[in-house]
Amino acid sequence: MRSTPGRSTGPGAQIEARNPFRGRVEERTHARTPARGSEGVLSTEESAKLLRFARVVERAEEVFQAAEPALAWLKADNAALGGITPLSLLDTDIGADSVLDTLGRIEHGVFA
């Protein structure tokens, strides 16, 4: 990844650069920001969701050994998760834990 002045090049910046949901999330977040009166500041709930997302994306990349297949898996319906997408479960800690558990099973060859 190329470095741009004033921009971070750490893991968070890598997620930001390849996040296919970036435009949609930013628009929705910015639309709510003025109502809170703190431009550019995430709420506690938004921060928790972002951290869950980053943690799961990082783990998926470890398991699938690349960003593209990891993101494809996160967006695809998954039988082990009741036929829904892993991304749809990231709103809660319990959902994120289910996704992380499924990734662990994939990593260790346990498919049931």
Protein backbone atom coordinates (compact mmCIF):
# COMPACT_ATOMS: atom_id res chain seq x y z
CA MET A 1 0.00 0.00 0.00
CA ARG A 2 1.33 3.41 -0.92
CA SER A 3 1.69 5.98 1.80
CA THR A 4 -0.18 9.24 1.44
CA PRO A 5 0.85 12.26 3.52
CA GLY A 6 -1.43 12.64 6.51
CA ARG A 7 -2.87 9.13 6.18
CA SER A 8 -2.20 6.12 8.36
CA THR A 9 -0.64 3.03 6.80
CA GLY A 10 -1.45 0.63 9.67
CA PRO A 11 -3.95 -2.27 9.64
CA GLY A 12 -6.93 0.07 10.00
CA ALA A 13 -5.87 1.97 6.89
CA GLN A 14 -5.63 -1.30 4.95
CA ILE A 15 -9.18 -2.23 5.94
CA GLU A 16 -10.35 1.25 4.95
CA ALA A 17 -8.62 1.04 1.56
CA ARG A 18 -10.20 -2.27 0.55
CA ASN A 19 -13.53 -2.07 2.38
CA PRO A 20 -16.27 -2.61 -0.22
CA PHE A 21 -18.81 -1.09 2.19
CA ARG A 22 -16.83 2.11 2.71
CA GLY A 23 -19.01 4.57 0.80
CA ARG A 24 -22.28 3.28 2.22
CA VAL A 25 -21.09 3.26 5.83
CA GLU A 26 -19.53 6.71 5.58
CA GLU A 27 -22.69 8.23 4.09
CA ARG A 28 -24.93 6.75 6.76
CA THR A 29 -22.53 7.64 9.57
CA HIS A 30 -22.06 11.21 8.36
CA ALA A 31 -25.80 11.63 7.95
CA ARG A 32 -26.25 10.88 11.68
CA THR A 33 -23.21 12.81 12.92
CA PRO A 34 -24.69 16.35 12.91
CA ALA A 35 -27.62 15.16 15.05
CA ARG A 36 -25.11 14.13 17.74
CA GLY A 37 -23.35 17.47 17.48
CA SER A 38 -19.89 15.91 17.33
CA GLU A 39 -18.72 15.91 13.75
CA GLY A 40 -16.34 13.05 13.00
CA VAL A 41 -16.82 11.29 16.35
CA LEU A 42 -18.28 7.80 16.48
CA SER A 43 -20.69 6.80 19.21
CA THR A 44 -19.76 3.98 21.58
CA GLU A 45 -22.04 1.63 19.65
CA GLU A 46 -20.54 2.63 16.28
CA SER A 47 -17.03 2.18 17.66
CA ALA A 48 -17.90 -1.29 18.95
CA LYS A 49 -19.34 -2.27 15.55
CA LEU A 50 -16.24 -1.00 13.76
CA LEU A 51 -13.95 -2.95 16.09
CA ARG A 52 -16.01 -6.14 15.62
CA PHE A 53 -15.89 -5.67 11.86
CA ALA A 54 -12.11 -5.11 11.87
CA ARG A 55 -11.51 -8.11 14.15
CA VAL A 56 -13.60 -10.44 11.97
CA VAL A 57 -12.12 -9.18 8.68
CA GLU A 58 -8.61 -9.66 10.05
CA ARG A 59 -9.42 -13.22 11.18
CA ALA A 60 -11.09 -14.07 7.85
CA GLU A 61 -7.98 -12.87 6.02
CA GLU A 62 -5.83 -15.11 8.21
CA VAL A 63 -8.02 -18.13 7.49
CA PHE A 64 -8.40 -17.51 3.74
CA GLN A 65 -4.86 -16.08 3.40
CA ALA A 66 -6.00 -13.10 1.30
CA ALA A 67 -8.44 -10.20 1.47
CA GLU A 68 -10.49 -10.98 -1.63
CA PRO A 69 -11.63 -14.52 -0.70
CA ALA A 70 -12.15 -13.38 2.91
CA LEU A 71 -14.50 -10.57 1.84
CA ALA A 72 -16.29 -12.88 -0.61
CA TRP A 73 -16.89 -15.36 2.23
CA LEU A 74 -18.14 -12.62 4.55
CA LYS A 75 -20.70 -11.49 1.94
CA ALA A 76 -21.95 -14.98 0.96
CA ASP A 77 -24.83 -16.90 2.55
CA ASN A 78 -23.41 -19.48 4.94
CA ALA A 79 -25.12 -22.76 5.86
CA ALA A 80 -23.16 -23.05 9.12
CA LEU A 81 -24.63 -19.68 10.17
CA GLY A 82 -28.23 -20.55 9.38
CA GLY A 83 -28.08 -19.55 5.72
CA ILE A 84 -27.30 -15.89 6.33
CA THR A 85 -24.19 -13.86 5.55
CA PRO A 86 -21.46 -13.55 8.17
CA LEU A 87 -21.56 -9.75 7.73
CA SER A 88 -25.19 -9.65 8.84
CA LEU A 89 -24.17 -11.05 12.23
CA LEU A 90 -21.58 -8.40 13.08
CA ASP A 91 -24.01 -6.02 14.80
CA THR A 92 -23.65 -7.94 18.07
CA ASP A 93 -20.83 -9.56 20.03
CA ILE A 94 -22.71 -12.89 19.99
CA GLY A 95 -23.03 -12.75 16.20
CA ALA A 96 -19.37 -11.83 15.73
CA ASP A 97 -18.38 -14.69 18.04
CA SER A 98 -20.44 -17.10 15.89
CA VAL A 99 -18.62 -15.88 12.78
CA LEU A 100 -15.23 -16.21 14.49
CA ASP A 101 -16.16 -19.72 15.67
CA THR A 102 -17.12 -20.67 12.10
CA LEU A 103 -13.80 -19.31 10.82
CA GLY A 104 -12.00 -21.42 13.41
CA ARG A 105 -13.88 -24.49 12.26
CA ILE A 106 -12.93 -23.78 8.65
CA GLU A 107 -9.30 -23.29 9.63
CA HIS A 108 -9.24 -26.65 11.43
CA GLY A 109 -11.27 -28.57 8.86
CA VAL A 110 -14.40 -28.98 11.03
CA PHE A 111 -17.40 -28.35 8.81
CA ALA A 112 -20.29 -29.49 11.01
